[in-house]
PDB file of N, CA and C in Angstrom:
ATOM      1  N   MET A   1     -97.602  32.961 122.560  1.00  0.00           N
ATOM      2  CA  MET A   1     -98.064  33.651 121.373  1.00  0.00           C
ATOM      3  C   MET A   1     -99.304  34.330 121.768  1.00  0.00           C
ATOM      4  N   THR A   2     -99.542  35.692 121.467  1.00  0.00           N
ATOM      5  CA  THR A   2    -100.734  36.443 121.762  1.00  0.00           C
ATOM      6  C   THR A   2    -101.805  36.114 120.745  1.00  0.00           C
ATOM      7  N   LYS A   3    -103.106  36.345 121.112  1.00  0.00           N
ATOM      8  CA  LYS A   3    -104.195  36.154 120.173  1.00  0.00           C
ATOM      9  C   LYS A   3    -104.052  36.861 118.936  1.00  0.00           C
ATOM     10  N   LYS A   4    -103.538  38.138 118.965  1.00  0.00           N
ATOM     11  CA  LYS A   4    -103.404  38.860 117.713  1.00  0.00           C
ATOM     12  C   LYS A   4    -102.208  38.173 116.863  1.00  0.00           C
ATOM     13  N   ALA A   5    -101.174  37.660 117.338  1.00  0.00           N
ATOM     14  CA  ALA A   5    -100.131  36.999 116.648  1.00  0.00           C
ATOM     15  C   ALA A   5    -100.783  35.794 115.968  1.00  0.00           C
ATOM     16  N   VAL A   6    -101.570  35.009 116.728  1.00  0.00           N
ATOM     17  CA  VAL A   6    -102.314  33.748 116.185  1.00  0.00           C
ATOM     18  C   VAL A   6    -103.082  34.110 114.987  1.00  0.00           C
ATOM     19  N   ILE A   7    -103.805  35.183 115.159  1.00  0.00           N
ATOM     20  CA  ILE A   7    -104.744  35.538 114.056  1.00  0.00           C
ATOM     21  C   ILE A   7    -104.049  36.102 112.832  1.00  0.00           C
ATOM     22  N   ALA A   8    -102.911  36.885 113.102  1.00  0.00           N
ATOM     23  CA  ALA A   8    -102.076  37.361 111.984  1.00  0.00           C
ATOM     24  C   ALA A   8    -101.302  36.160 111.290  1.00  0.00           C
ATOM     25  N   ALA A   9    -100.876  35.204 112.126  1.00  0.00           N
ATOM     26  CA  ALA A   9    -100.240  33.945 111.424  1.00  0.00           C
ATOM     27  C   ALA A   9    -101.259  33.248 110.543  1.00  0.00           C
ATOM     28  N   ALA A  10    -102.436  33.072 111.066  1.00  0.00           N
ATOM     29  CA  ALA A  10    -103.576  32.397 110.401  1.00  0.00           C
ATOM     30  C   ALA A  10    -103.892  33.081 109.049  1.00  0.00           C
ATOM     31  N   CYS A  11    -103.899  34.334 109.079  1.00  0.00           N
ATOM     32  CA  CYS A  11    -104.173  35.137 107.948  1.00  0.00           C
ATOM     33  C   CYS A  11    -103.100  35.047 106.954  1.00  0.00           C
ATOM     34  N   ALA A  12    -101.847  35.139 107.397  1.00  0.00           N
ATOM     35  CA  ALA A  12    -100.677  35.012 106.476  1.00  0.00           C
ATOM     36  C   ALA A  12    -100.628  33.711 105.889  1.00  0.00           C
ATOM     37  N   ALA A  13    -100.924  32.606 106.715  1.00  0.00           N
ATOM     38  CA  ALA A  13    -100.958  31.259 106.101  1.00  0.00           C
ATOM     39  C   ALA A  13    -102.114  31.098 104.951  1.00  0.00           C
ATOM     40  N   ALA A  14    -103.108  31.756 105.308  1.00  0.00           N
ATOM     41  CA  ALA A  14    -104.271  31.623 104.239  1.00  0.00           C
ATOM     42  C   ALA A  14    -103.921  32.332 102.998  1.00  0.00           C
ATOM     43  N   LEU A  15    -103.119  33.308 103.094  1.00  0.00           N
ATOM     44  CA  LEU A  15    -102.590  34.067 101.840  1.00  0.00           C
ATOM     45  C   LEU A  15    -101.748  33.217 100.936  1.00  0.00           C
ATOM     46  N   LEU A  16    -100.930  32.408 101.664  1.00  0.00           N
ATOM     47  CA  LEU A  16     -99.990  31.542 100.996  1.00  0.00           C
ATOM     48  C   LEU A  16    -100.659  30.306 100.409  1.00  0.00           C
ATOM     49  N   VAL A  17    -101.811  29.959 100.907  1.00  0.00           N
ATOM     50  CA  VAL A  17    -102.487  28.812 100.307  1.00  0.00           C
ATOM     51  C   VAL A  17    -103.135  29.128  98.903  1.00  0.00           C
ATOM     52  N   PHE A  18    -103.630  30.287  98.813  1.00  0.00           N
ATOM     53  CA  PHE A  18    -104.362  30.653  97.580  1.00  0.00           C
ATOM     54  C   PHE A  18    -103.550  31.140  96.505  1.00  0.00           C
ATOM     55  N   SER A  19    -104.078  30.906  95.326  1.00  0.00           N
ATOM     56  CA  SER A  19    -103.358  31.319  94.072  1.00  0.00           C
ATOM     57  C   SER A  19    -103.312  32.854  93.956  1.00  0.00           C
ATOM     58  N   PRO A  20    -102.412  33.448  93.090  1.00  0.00           N
ATOM     59  CA  PRO A  20    -102.413  34.879  93.090  1.00  0.00           C
ATOM     60  C   PRO A  20    -103.660  35.577  92.652  1.00  0.00           C
ATOM     61  N   ALA A  21    -104.507  34.625  91.992  1.00  0.00           N
ATOM     62  CA  ALA A  21    -105.719  35.223  91.505  1.00  0.00           C
ATOM     63  C   ALA A  21    -106.855  35.252  92.572  1.00  0.00           C
ATOM     64  N   ALA A  22    -106.571  34.722  93.723  1.00  0.00           N
ATOM     65  CA  ALA A  22    -107.348  34.644  94.826  1.00  0.00           C
ATOM     66  C   ALA A  22    -107.465  35.934  95.631  1.00  0.00           C
ATOM     67  N   HIS A  23    -108.466  36.175  96.267  1.00  0.00           N
ATOM     68  CA  HIS A  23    -108.642  37.381  97.098  1.00  0.00           C
ATOM     69  C   HIS A  23    -108.698  36.944  98.440  1.00  0.00           C
ATOM     70  N   ALA A  24    -107.920  37.534  99.378  1.00  0.00           N
ATOM     71  CA  ALA A  24    -107.994  37.245 100.897  1.00  0.00           C
ATOM     72  C   ALA A  24    -107.973  38.462 101.641  1.00  0.00           C
ATOM     73  N   GLN A  25    -108.907  38.406 102.591  1.00  0.00           N
ATOM     74  CA  GLN A  25    -109.173  39.649 103.378  1.00  0.00           C
ATOM     75  C   GLN A  25    -109.624  39.163 104.811  1.00  0.00           C
ATOM     76  N   CYS A  26    -109.117  39.931 105.893  1.00  0.00           N
ATOM     77  CA  CYS A  26    -109.567  39.646 107.205  1.00  0.00           C
ATOM     78  C   CYS A  26    -110.196  40.948 107.830  1.00  0.00           C
ATOM     79  N   GLY A  27    -111.234  40.643 108.589  1.00  0.00           N
ATOM     80  CA  GLY A  27    -111.799  41.833 109.317  1.00  0.00           C
ATOM     81  C   GLY A  27    -113.159  41.407 109.901  1.00  0.00           C
ATOM     82  N   GLY A  28    -113.944  42.329 110.244  1.00  0.00           N
ATOM     83  CA  GLY A  28    -115.259  42.137 110.866  1.00  0.00           C
ATOM     84  C   GLY A  28    -116.242  41.687 109.945  1.00  0.00           C
ATOM     85  N   ALA A  29    -117.223  40.886 110.484  1.00  0.00           N
ATOM     86  CA  ALA A  29    -118.391  40.289 109.814  1.00  0.00           C
ATOM     87  C   ALA A  29    -119.579  40.549 110.560  1.00  0.00           C
ATOM     88  N   SER A  30    -120.748  40.851 109.921  1.00  0.00           N
ATOM     89  CA  SER A  30    -122.034  40.911 110.659  1.00  0.00           C
ATOM     90  C   SER A  30    -122.983  40.148 109.711  1.00  0.00           C
ATOM     91  N   TRP A  31    -124.291  40.139 110.265  1.00  0.00           N
ATOM     92  CA  TRP A  31    -125.212  39.431 109.468  1.00  0.00           C
ATOM     93  C   TRP A  31    -126.493  40.262 109.281  1.00  0.00           C
ATOM     94  N   TYR A  32    -127.312  40.007 108.419  1.00  0.00           N
ATOM     95  CA  TYR A  32    -128.574  40.548 108.146  1.00  0.00           C
ATOM     96  C   TYR A  32    -129.565  39.669 107.633  1.00  0.00           C
ATOM     97  N   GLY A  33    -130.925  39.977 107.776  1.00  0.00           N
ATOM     98  CA  GLY A  33    -131.831  39.044 107.394  1.00  0.00           C
ATOM     99  C   GLY A  33    -133.298  39.506 107.442  1.00  0.00           C
ATOM    100  N   PRO A  34    -133.918  39.461 108.606  1.00  0.00           N
ATOM    101  CA  PRO A  34    -135.430  39.627 108.731  1.00  0.00           C
ATOM    102  C   PRO A  34    -135.864  40.929 108.046  1.00  0.00           C
ATOM    103  N   GLY A  35    -135.244  42.191 108.159  1.00  0.00           N
ATOM    104  CA  GLY A  35    -135.686  43.330 107.531  1.00  0.00           C
ATOM    105  C   GLY A  35    -135.540  43.396 105.998  1.00  0.00           C
ATOM    106  N   PHE A  36    -134.753  42.460 105.433  1.00  0.00           N
ATOM    107  CA  PHE A  36    -134.365  42.534 104.080  1.00  0.00           C
ATOM    108  C   PHE A  36    -134.939  41.256 103.185  1.00  0.00           C
ATOM    109  N   HIS A  37    -135.387  40.243 103.935  1.00  0.00           N
ATOM    110  CA  HIS A  37    -135.981  38.997 103.530  1.00  0.00           C
ATOM    111  C   HIS A  37    -137.036  39.352 102.435  1.00  0.00           C
ATOM    112  N   GLY A  38    -136.861  38.786 101.202  1.00  0.00           N
ATOM    113  CA  GLY A  38    -137.872  38.950 100.146  1.00  0.00           C
ATOM    114  C   GLY A  38    -137.794  40.255  99.357  1.00  0.00           C
ATOM    115  N   LYS A  39    -136.753  41.070  99.698  1.00  0.00           N
ATOM    116  CA  LYS A  39    -136.536  42.374  99.019  1.00  0.00           C
ATOM    117  C   LYS A  39    -135.381  42.093  98.057  1.00  0.00           C
ATOM    118  N   LYS A  40    -135.315  42.970  97.002  1.00  0.00           N
ATOM    119  CA  LYS A  40    -134.348  42.905  96.032  1.00  0.00           C
ATOM    120  C   LYS A  40    -132.936  43.236  96.622  1.00  0.00           C
ATOM    121  N   ALA A  41    -131.874  42.266  96.326  1.00  0.00           N
ATOM    122  CA  ALA A  41    -130.534  42.666  96.682  1.00  0.00           C
ATOM    123  C   ALA A  41    -129.864  43.555  95.535  1.00  0.00           C
ATOM    124  N   ALA A  42    -128.755  44.039  95.601  1.00  0.00           N
ATOM    125  CA  ALA A  42    -128.101  44.894  94.681  1.00  0.00           C
ATOM    126  C   ALA A  42    -128.002  44.253  93.405  1.00  0.00           C
ATOM    127  N   SER A  43    -127.742  42.939  93.496  1.00  0.00           N
ATOM    128  CA  SER A  43    -127.627  42.105  92.311  1.00  0.00           C
ATOM    129  C   SER A  43    -128.896  41.933  91.444  1.00  0.00           C
ATOM    130  N   GLY A  44    -130.009  42.284  91.922  1.00  0.00           N
ATOM    131  CA  GLY A  44    -131.304  42.082  91.327  1.00  0.00           C
ATOM    132  C   GLY A  44    -131.989  40.789  91.797  1.00  0.00           C
ATOM    133  N   GLN A  45    -131.313  39.921  92.524  1.00  0.00           N
ATOM    134  CA  GLN A  45    -131.819  38.660  93.088  1.00  0.00           C
ATOM    135  C   GLN A  45    -132.742  39.128  94.267  1.00  0.00           C
ATOM    136  N   VAL A  46    -133.696  38.196  94.565  1.00  0.00           N
ATOM    137  CA  VAL A  46    -134.488  38.407  95.748  1.00  0.00           C
ATOM    138  C   VAL A  46    -133.641  37.864  96.878  1.00  0.00           C
ATOM    139  N   PHE A  47    -133.512  38.629  97.897  1.00  0.00           N
ATOM    140  CA  PHE A  47    -132.733  38.196  99.216  1.00  0.00           C
ATOM    141  C   PHE A  47    -133.507  37.207  99.847  1.00  0.00           C
ATOM    142  N   ASP A  48    -132.770  36.058 100.210  1.00  0.00           N
ATOM    143  CA  ASP A  48    -133.410  35.027 101.062  1.00  0.00           C
ATOM    144  C   ASP A  48    -132.517  34.843 102.267  1.00  0.00           C
ATOM    145  N   GLN A  49    -132.944  35.292 103.474  1.00  0.00           N
ATOM    146  CA  GLN A  49    -132.132  35.121 104.591  1.00  0.00           C
ATOM    147  C   GLN A  49    -131.744  33.817 104.919  1.00  0.00           C
ATOM    148  N   ASN A  50    -132.306  32.642 104.348  1.00  0.00           N
ATOM    149  CA  ASN A  50    -132.060  31.376 104.580  1.00  0.00           C
ATOM    150  C   ASN A  50    -131.054  30.697 103.667  1.00  0.00           C
ATOM    151  N   ALA A  51    -130.623  31.554 102.665  1.00  0.00           N
ATOM    152  CA  ALA A  51    -129.661  31.004 101.672  1.00  0.00           C
ATOM    153  C   ALA A  51    -128.236  31.445 102.092  1.00  0.00           C
ATOM    154  N   MET A  52    -127.180  30.801 101.491  1.00  0.00           N
ATOM    155  CA  MET A  52    -125.847  31.032 101.936  1.00  0.00           C
ATOM    156  C   MET A  52    -125.285  32.049 100.992  1.00  0.00           C
ATOM    157  N   THR A  53    -125.644  33.334 101.263  1.00  0.00           N
ATOM    158  CA  THR A  53    -125.308  34.547 100.582  1.00  0.00           C
ATOM    159  C   THR A  53    -124.618  35.578 101.444  1.00  0.00           C
ATOM    160  N   ALA A  54    -123.945  36.558 100.699  1.00  0.00           N
ATOM    161  CA  ALA A  54    -123.369  37.701 101.583  1.00  0.00           C
ATOM    162  C   ALA A  54    -123.291  38.961 100.757  1.00  0.00           C
ATOM    163  N   ALA A  55    -123.010  40.096 101.451  1.00  0.00           N
ATOM    164  CA  ALA A  55    -122.855  41.351 100.820  1.00  0.00           C
ATOM    165  C   ALA A  55    -121.337  41.654 101.029  1.00  0.00           C
ATOM    166  N   HIS A  56    -120.794  42.172  99.953  1.00  0.00           N
ATOM    167  CA  HIS A  56    -119.297  42.707  99.976  1.00  0.00           C
ATOM    168  C   HIS A  56    -119.381  44.027  99.123  1.00  0.00           C
ATOM    169  N   ARG A  57    -118.477  44.914  99.585  1.00  0.00           N
ATOM    170  CA  ARG A  57    -118.371  46.193  98.871  1.00  0.00           C
ATOM    171  C   ARG A  57    -117.989  46.191  97.377  1.00  0.00           C
ATOM    172  N   THR A  58    -117.013  45.253  97.072  1.00  0.00           N
ATOM    173  CA  THR A  58    -116.400  45.316  95.734  1.00  0.00           C
ATOM    174  C   THR A  58    -116.445  43.970  94.920  1.00  0.00           C
ATOM    175  N   LEU A  59    -116.352  42.851  95.533  1.00  0.00           N
ATOM    176  CA  LEU A  59    -116.353  41.616  94.835  1.00  0.00           C
ATOM    177  C   LEU A  59    -117.464  41.403  93.959  1.00  0.00           C
ATOM    178  N   PRO A  60    -117.292  40.907  92.685  1.00  0.00           N
ATOM    179  CA  PRO A  60    -118.391  40.872  91.744  1.00  0.00           C
ATOM    180  C   PRO A  60    -119.494  39.862  92.251  1.00  0.00           C
ATOM    181  N   PHE A  61    -120.694  40.177  91.726  1.00  0.00           N
ATOM    182  CA  PHE A  61    -121.915  39.322  92.199  1.00  0.00           C
ATOM    183  C   PHE A  61    -121.583  37.928  91.540  1.00  0.00           C
ATOM    184  N   GLY A  62    -122.018  37.057  92.394  1.00  0.00           N
ATOM    185  CA  GLY A  62    -121.733  35.475  91.867  1.00  0.00           C
ATOM    186  C   GLY A  62    -120.545  34.952  92.364  1.00  0.00           C
ATOM    187  N   THR A  63    -119.553  35.724  92.960  1.00  0.00           N
ATOM    188  CA  THR A  63    -118.239  35.273  93.506  1.00  0.00           C
ATOM    189  C   THR A  63    -118.622  34.287  94.689  1.00  0.00           C
ATOM    190  N   GLN A  64    -117.913  33.207  94.663  1.00  0.00           N
ATOM    191  CA  GLN A  64    -117.944  32.263  95.642  1.00  0.00           C
ATOM    192  C   GLN A  64    -116.912  32.546  96.632  1.00  0.00           C
ATOM    193  N   VAL A  65    -117.281  32.723  97.946  1.00  0.00           N
ATOM    194  CA  VAL A  65    -116.385  33.078  98.948  1.00  0.00           C
ATOM    195  C   VAL A  65    -116.370  32.173 100.156  1.00  0.00           C
ATOM    196  N   GLN A  66    -115.090  31.746 100.603  1.00  0.00           N
ATOM    197  CA  GLN A  66    -115.056  30.985 101.828  1.00  0.00           C
ATOM    198  C   GLN A  66    -114.895  31.783 103.018  1.00  0.00           C
ATOM    199  N   VAL A  67    -115.626  31.828 103.921  1.00  0.00           N
ATOM    200  CA  VAL A  67    -115.654  32.667 105.181  1.00  0.00           C
ATOM    201  C   VAL A  67    -115.207  31.899 106.299  1.00  0.00           C
ATOM    202  N   THR A  68    -114.165  32.195 107.002  1.00  0.00           N
ATOM    203  CA  THR A  68    -113.714  31.432 108.197  1.00  0.00           C
ATOM    204  C   THR A  68    -113.746  32.321 109.281  1.00  0.00           C
ATOM    205  N   ASP A  69    -114.548  31.913 110.473  1.00  0.00           N
ATOM    206  CA  ASP A  69    -114.434  32.659 111.694  1.00  0.00           C
ATOM    207  C   ASP A  69    -113.267  32.397 112.426  1.00  0.00           C
ATOM    208  N   GLN A  70    -112.511  33.489 112.733  1.00  0.00           N
ATOM    209  CA  GLN A  70    -111.195  33.424 113.287  1.00  0.00           C
ATOM    210  C   GLN A  70    -111.328  32.915 114.733  1.00  0.00           C
ATOM    211  N   ARG A  71    -112.434  33.121 115.374  1.00  0.00           N
ATOM    212  CA  ARG A  71    -112.583  32.685 116.823  1.00  0.00           C
ATOM    213  C   ARG A  71    -112.657  31.087 116.993  1.00  0.00           C
ATOM    214  N   THR A  72    -113.536  30.672 116.008  1.00  0.00           N
ATOM    215  CA  THR A  72    -113.856  29.221 116.209  1.00  0.00           C
ATOM    216  C   THR A  72    -113.281  28.266 115.076  1.00  0.00           C
ATOM    217  N   GLY A  73    -112.744  28.845 114.010  1.00  0.00           N
ATOM    218  CA  GLY A  73    -112.169  28.119 112.918  1.00  0.00           C
ATOM    219  C   GLY A  73    -113.134  27.489 111.956  1.00  0.00           C
ATOM    220  N   LYS A  74    -114.498  27.692 112.180  1.00  0.00           N
ATOM    221  CA  LYS A  74    -115.629  27.188 111.476  1.00  0.00           C
ATOM    222  C   LYS A  74    -115.590  28.046 110.092  1.00  0.00           C
ATOM    223  N   SER A  75    -115.881  27.194 108.930  1.00  0.00           N
ATOM    224  CA  SER A  75    -116.057  27.959 107.689  1.00  0.00           C
ATOM    225  C   SER A  75    -117.269  27.719 106.991  1.00  0.00           C
ATOM    226  N   VAL A  76    -117.812  28.567 106.157  1.00  0.00           N
ATOM    227  CA  VAL A  76    -118.852  28.407 105.274  1.00  0.00           C
ATOM    228  C   VAL A  76    -118.482  29.035 103.945  1.00  0.00           C
ATOM    229  N   ASN A  77    -119.237  28.405 102.800  1.00  0.00           N
ATOM    230  CA  ASN A  77    -119.205  29.024 101.533  1.00  0.00           C
ATOM    231  C   ASN A  77    -120.435  29.753 101.216  1.00  0.00           C
ATOM    232  N   VAL A  78    -120.137  30.997 100.605  1.00  0.00           N
ATOM    233  CA  VAL A  78    -121.287  31.922 100.352  1.00  0.00           C
ATOM    234  C   VAL A  78    -121.114  32.392  99.018  1.00  0.00           C
ATOM    235  N   THR A  79    -122.217  32.907  98.377  1.00  0.00           N
ATOM    236  CA  THR A  79    -122.127  33.606  97.151  1.00  0.00           C
ATOM    237  C   THR A  79    -122.521  35.194  97.373  1.00  0.00           C
ATOM    238  N   ILE A  80    -121.569  35.903  96.761  1.00  0.00           N
ATOM    239  CA  ILE A  80    -121.938  37.452  96.901  1.00  0.00           C
ATOM    240  C   ILE A  80    -123.047  37.857  96.036  1.00  0.00           C
ATOM    241  N   ASN A  81    -124.097  38.402  96.659  1.00  0.00           N
ATOM    242  CA  ASN A  81    -125.166  38.842  95.790  1.00  0.00           C
ATOM    243  C   ASN A  81    -125.844  40.192  96.174  1.00  0.00           C
ATOM    244  N   ASP A  82    -124.936  40.909  97.086  1.00  0.00           N
ATOM    245  CA  ASP A  82    -125.448  42.171  97.566  1.00  0.00           C
ATOM    246  C   ASP A  82    -124.320  43.072  97.825  1.00  0.00           C
ATOM    247  N   ARG A  83    -124.519  44.382  98.155  1.00  0.00           N
ATOM    248  CA  ARG A  83    -123.416  45.245  98.521  1.00  0.00           C
ATOM    249  C   ARG A  83    -123.519  45.650  99.933  1.00  0.00           C
ATOM    250  N   GLY A  84    -122.327  45.856 100.635  1.00  0.00           N
ATOM    251  CA  GLY A  84    -122.264  46.219 101.907  1.00  0.00           C
ATOM    252  C   GLY A  84    -121.100  45.538 102.544  1.00  0.00           C
ATOM    253  N   PRO A  85    -120.836  45.511 103.652  1.00  0.00           N
ATOM    254  CA  PRO A  85    -121.460  46.403 104.706  1.00  0.00           C
ATOM    255  C   PRO A  85    -120.977  47.805 104.699  1.00  0.00           C
ATOM    256  N   PHE A  86    -121.836  48.773 105.323  1.00  0.00           N
ATOM    257  CA  PHE A  86    -121.505  50.156 105.335  1.00  0.00           C
ATOM    258  C   PHE A  86    -121.305  50.539 106.757  1.00  0.00           C
ATOM    259  N   HIS A  87    -120.731  49.837 107.580  1.00  0.00           N
ATOM    260  CA  HIS A  87    -120.542  50.160 108.954  1.00  0.00           C
ATOM    261  C   HIS A  87    -119.263  49.832 109.385  1.00  0.00           C
ATOM    262  N   GLY A  88    -118.541  50.970 109.826  1.00  0.00           N
ATOM    263  CA  GLY A  88    -117.121  50.712 110.401  1.00  0.00           C
ATOM    264  C   GLY A  88    -116.159  49.919 109.550  1.00  0.00           C
ATOM    265  N   LYS A  89    -115.407  49.069 110.207  1.00  0.00           N
ATOM    266  CA  LYS A  89    -114.348  48.219 109.460  1.00  0.00           C
ATOM    267  C   LYS A  89    -114.807  46.928 109.003  1.00  0.00           C
ATOM    268  N   ARG A  90    -116.127  46.583 109.013  1.00  0.00           N
ATOM    269  CA  ARG A  90    -116.618  45.320 108.600  1.00  0.00           C
ATOM    270  C   ARG A  90    -116.456  45.146 107.098  1.00  0.00           C
ATOM    271  N   ILE A  91    -115.931  43.889 106.738  1.00  0.00           N
ATOM    272  CA  ILE A  91    -115.630  43.564 105.387  1.00  0.00           C
ATOM    273  C   ILE A  91    -116.735  42.765 104.727  1.00  0.00           C
ATOM    274  N   ILE A  92    -117.640  42.147 105.357  1.00  0.00           N
ATOM    275  CA  ILE A  92    -118.691  41.366 104.883  1.00  0.00           C
ATOM    276  C   ILE A  92    -119.909  41.304 105.658  1.00  0.00           C
ATOM    277  N   ASP A  93    -121.123  41.247 105.039  1.00  0.00           N
ATOM    278  CA  ASP A  93    -122.473  40.988 105.664  1.00  0.00           C
ATOM    279  C   ASP A  93    -122.977  39.641 105.365  1.00  0.00           C
ATOM    280  N   LEU A  94    -122.997  38.796 106.162  1.00  0.00           N
ATOM    281  CA  LEU A  94    -123.629  37.363 105.819  1.00  0.00           C
ATOM    282  C   LEU A  94    -125.173  37.404 106.040  1.00  0.00           C
ATOM    283  N   SER A  95    -125.739  36.408 105.325  1.00  0.00           N
ATOM    284  CA  SER A  95    -127.125  36.055 105.478  1.00  0.00           C
ATOM    285  C   SER A  95    -127.240  35.528 106.923  1.00  0.00           C
ATOM    286  N   LYS A  96    -128.548  35.453 107.397  1.00  0.00           N
ATOM    287  CA  LYS A  96    -128.833  34.804 108.668  1.00  0.00           C
ATOM    288  C   LYS A  96    -128.340  33.432 108.744  1.00  0.00           C
ATOM    289  N   ALA A  97    -128.556  32.688 107.629  1.00  0.00           N
ATOM    290  CA  ALA A  97    -128.300  31.344 107.619  1.00  0.00           C
ATOM    291  C   ALA A  97    -126.734  31.086 107.751  1.00  0.00           C
ATOM    292  N   ALA A  98    -125.900  31.942 107.090  1.00  0.00           N
ATOM    293  CA  ALA A  98    -124.527  31.789 107.124  1.00  0.00           C
ATOM    294  C   ALA A  98    -123.969  32.089 108.440  1.00  0.00           C
ATOM    295  N   ALA A  99    -124.614  33.194 109.084  1.00  0.00           N
ATOM    296  CA  ALA A  99    -124.198  33.504 110.476  1.00  0.00           C
ATOM    297  C   ALA A  99    -124.516  32.442 111.510  1.00  0.00           C
ATOM    298  N   ALA A 100    -125.639  31.739 111.282  1.00  0.00           N
ATOM    299  CA  ALA A 100    -125.997  30.687 112.161  1.00  0.00           C
ATOM    300  C   ALA A 100    -125.062  29.542 111.913  1.00  0.00           C
ATOM    301  N   ALA A 101    -124.593  29.186 110.732  1.00  0.00           N
ATOM    302  CA  ALA A 101    -123.724  28.166 110.405  1.00  0.00           C
ATOM    303  C   ALA A 101    -122.393  28.332 111.211  1.00  0.00           C
ATOM    304  N   LEU A 102    -121.988  29.608 111.171  1.00  0.00           N
ATOM    305  CA  LEU A 102    -120.687  29.924 111.805  1.00  0.00           C
ATOM    306  C   LEU A 102    -120.820  30.068 113.289  1.00  0.00           C
ATOM    307  N   GLY A 103    -122.084  30.227 113.845  1.00  0.00           N
ATOM    308  CA  GLY A 103    -122.332  30.237 115.176  1.00  0.00           C
ATOM    309  C   GLY A 103    -122.204  31.502 115.800  1.00  0.00           C
ATOM    310  N   PHE A 104    -122.329  32.665 115.164  1.00  0.00           N
ATOM    311  CA  PHE A 104    -122.145  33.950 115.686  1.00  0.00           C
ATOM    312  C   PHE A 104    -123.572  34.784 115.606  1.00  0.00           C
ATOM    313  N   GLN A 105    -124.491  34.128 115.263  1.00  0.00           N
ATOM    314  CA  GLN A 105    -125.883  34.800 115.114  1.00  0.00           C
ATOM    315  C   GLN A 105    -126.309  35.601 116.328  1.00  0.00           C
ATOM    316  N   ASN A 106    -126.050  34.982 117.542  1.00  0.00           N
ATOM    317  CA  ASN A 106    -126.481  35.649 118.765  1.00  0.00           C
ATOM    318  C   ASN A 106    -125.531  36.828 119.161  1.00  0.00           C
ATOM    319  N   ARG A 107    -124.266  36.715 118.742  1.00  0.00           N
ATOM    320  CA  ARG A 107    -123.356  37.815 119.079  1.00  0.00           C
ATOM    321  C   ARG A 107    -123.523  38.963 118.047  1.00  0.00           C
ATOM    322  N   GLY A 108    -124.002  38.722 116.820  1.00  0.00           N
ATOM    323  CA  GLY A 108    -124.207  39.694 115.845  1.00  0.00           C
ATOM    324  C   GLY A 108    -122.989  40.032 114.969  1.00  0.00           C
ATOM    325  N   VAL A 109    -121.740  39.977 115.620  1.00  0.00           N
ATOM    326  CA  VAL A 109    -120.578  40.255 114.787  1.00  0.00           C
ATOM    327  C   VAL A 109    -119.509  39.297 115.170  1.00  0.00           C
ATOM    328  N   THR A 110    -118.566  39.200 114.246  1.00  0.00           N
ATOM    329  CA  THR A 110    -117.311  38.238 114.633  1.00  0.00           C
ATOM    330  C   THR A 110    -116.235  38.790 113.671  1.00  0.00           C
ATOM    331  N   SER A 111    -114.971  38.214 113.793  1.00  0.00           N
ATOM    332  CA  SER A 111    -113.890  38.385 112.979  1.00  0.00           C
ATOM    333  C   SER A 111    -113.671  37.164 112.186  1.00  0.00           C
ATOM    334  N   VAL A 112    -113.501  37.405 110.738  1.00  0.00           N
ATOM    335  CA  VAL A 112    -113.414  36.419 109.771  1.00  0.00           C
ATOM    336  C   VAL A 112    -112.159  36.692 108.898  1.00  0.00           C
ATOM    337  N   CYS A 113    -111.771  35.663 108.169  1.00  0.00           N
ATOM    338  CA  CYS A 113    -111.020  35.748 106.947  1.00  0.00           C
ATOM    339  C   CYS A 113    -111.880  35.319 105.825  1.00  0.00           C
ATOM    340  N   ILE A 114    -111.794  36.029 104.727  1.00  0.00           N
ATOM    341  CA  ILE A 114    -112.479  35.512 103.439  1.00  0.00           C
ATOM    342  C   ILE A 114    -111.588  35.235 102.387  1.00  0.00           C
ATOM    343  N   ALA A 115    -111.778  34.287 101.495  1.00  0.00           N
ATOM    344  CA  ALA A 115    -110.905  33.920 100.448  1.00  0.00           C
ATOM    345  C   ALA A 115    -111.870  33.581  99.270  1.00  0.00           C
ATOM    346  N   ALA A 116    -111.562  34.080  98.112  1.00  0.00           N
ATOM    347  CA  ALA A 116    -112.294  33.647  96.832  1.00  0.00           C
ATOM    348  C   ALA A 116    -111.317  33.288  95.795  1.00  0.00           C
ATOM    349  N   GLY A 117    -111.588  32.312  94.891  1.00  0.00           N
ATOM    350  CA  GLY A 117    -110.780  32.068  93.948  1.00  0.00           C
ATOM    351  C   GLY A 117    -111.276  32.459  92.564  1.00  0.00           C
TER     352      GLY A 117
END
């Protein structure tokens, strides 16, 4: 089985696990922090790079999202409190803390699946 087939199968399985009200999406993820730490996020909250938060283009603020790194299988739960990413095909921007917990802080980007209920 190719790597693409494994990823596709994992995403398909994730879709079956969640209720119809859940949102599931797979794509690129990046992280942000130092330049935005202490500034207001789109939600009006002060951005804390050490909190488990994320930016998404359309999910409502306050939505809890499980983010799973397709490369490692590690998962974290984050709260959407900002808008973005606005680069390429990325689907989510994670805080520095969330990226560190997933283990991709040094790489800068990774492939993830996200699910929210």
